Protein backbone atom coordinates (compact mmCIF):
# COMPACT_ATOMS: atom_id res chain seq x y z
CA UNK A 1 45.12 81.75 105.96
CA UNK A 2 48.22 82.71 103.96
CA UNK A 3 51.53 81.06 104.83
CA UNK A 4 53.72 83.06 107.20
CA UNK A 5 56.56 85.17 105.79
CA UNK A 6 58.52 84.50 108.99
CA UNK A 7 58.12 81.72 111.52
CA UNK A 8 59.65 82.09 115.00
CA UNK A 9 59.62 79.12 117.37
CA UNK A 10 60.82 79.62 120.95
CA UNK A 11 61.62 76.52 122.95
CA UNK A 12 63.65 76.37 126.14
CA UNK A 13 64.74 79.99 125.72
CA UNK A 14 66.11 79.39 122.22
CA UNK A 15 64.50 81.01 119.17
CA UNK A 16 64.47 79.19 115.85
CA UNK A 17 63.77 81.65 113.03
CA UNK A 18 62.65 80.63 109.57
CA UNK A 19 62.42 83.35 106.91
CA UNK A 20 60.17 82.11 104.11
CA UNK A 21 60.07 85.18 101.90
CA UNK A 22 63.03 86.80 100.09
CA UNK A 23 64.06 90.29 101.09
CA UNK A 24 62.81 90.19 104.69
CA UNK A 25 65.07 90.94 107.64
CA UNK A 26 63.82 89.95 111.10
CA UNK A 27 65.08 91.57 114.30
CA UNK A 28 64.81 89.46 117.45
CA UNK A 29 65.30 91.01 120.88
CA UNK A 30 65.79 88.74 123.88
CA UNK A 31 65.34 90.64 127.14
CA UNK A 32 66.29 87.66 129.32
CA UNK A 33 69.90 88.82 129.81
CA UNK A 34 70.49 87.81 133.42
CA UNK A 35 74.02 86.43 133.70
CA UNK A 36 75.16 87.82 130.33
CA UNK A 37 78.58 89.50 130.47
CA UNK A 38 78.48 93.29 130.03
CA UNK A 39 80.91 93.05 127.11
CA UNK A 40 79.01 90.32 125.21
CA UNK A 41 79.03 91.20 121.49
CA UNK A 42 75.25 90.81 121.12
CA UNK A 43 74.26 92.79 124.22
CA UNK A 44 72.51 96.00 123.23
CA UNK A 45 70.52 98.80 124.84
CA UNK A 46 67.17 99.51 123.20
CA UNK A 47 65.47 102.83 122.51
CA UNK A 48 64.15 103.20 126.07
CA UNK A 49 67.28 102.02 127.87
CA UNK A 50 66.49 98.33 128.41
CA UNK A 51 69.26 95.80 127.84
CA UNK A 52 68.69 92.90 125.49
CA UNK A 53 70.43 90.49 123.18
CA UNK A 54 69.86 91.64 119.61
CA UNK A 55 69.89 89.26 116.64
CA UNK A 56 68.98 89.61 112.99
CA UNK A 57 67.76 86.80 110.79
CA UNK A 58 68.29 87.26 107.08
CA UNK A 59 66.82 84.94 104.45
CA UNK A 60 70.25 83.83 103.21
CA UNK A 61 71.98 83.75 106.60
CA UNK A 62 70.34 81.38 109.07
CA UNK A 63 70.88 80.84 111.93
CA UNK A 64 70.44 84.44 113.02
CA UNK A 65 73.47 86.61 113.65
CA UNK A 66 74.09 90.16 114.80
CA UNK A 67 74.08 92.79 112.07
CA UNK A 68 74.79 96.48 112.52
CA UNK A 69 71.73 98.69 112.07
CA UNK A 70 71.40 100.02 108.55
CA UNK A 71 72.34 103.66 108.19
CA UNK A 72 69.98 105.96 106.35
CA UNK A 73 71.43 107.13 103.06
CA UNK A 74 72.25 110.80 102.82
CA UNK A 75 70.69 112.90 100.10
CA UNK A 76 73.30 114.89 98.18
CA UNK A 77 72.86 118.62 97.93
CA UNK A 78 72.11 119.80 94.41
CA UNK A 79 73.74 123.19 94.46
CA UNK A 80 73.92 126.13 96.82
């Protein structure tokens, strides 16, 4: 078996994320949000309307922290 590119260990409701390969970004969604304030900076609503805490783990930035979603680049118009 090849070594994992990302290792996630969850213990006591806390996720420890280890990114072992350069260039990988890991998104972690924690749906156990009971008791979380509505204005918490990491609280997010997913694609189907469920609330979760959203974290990103980057190889150079552990422990994980919230990152804004990457925007898709626009393709410039070549005339017309």
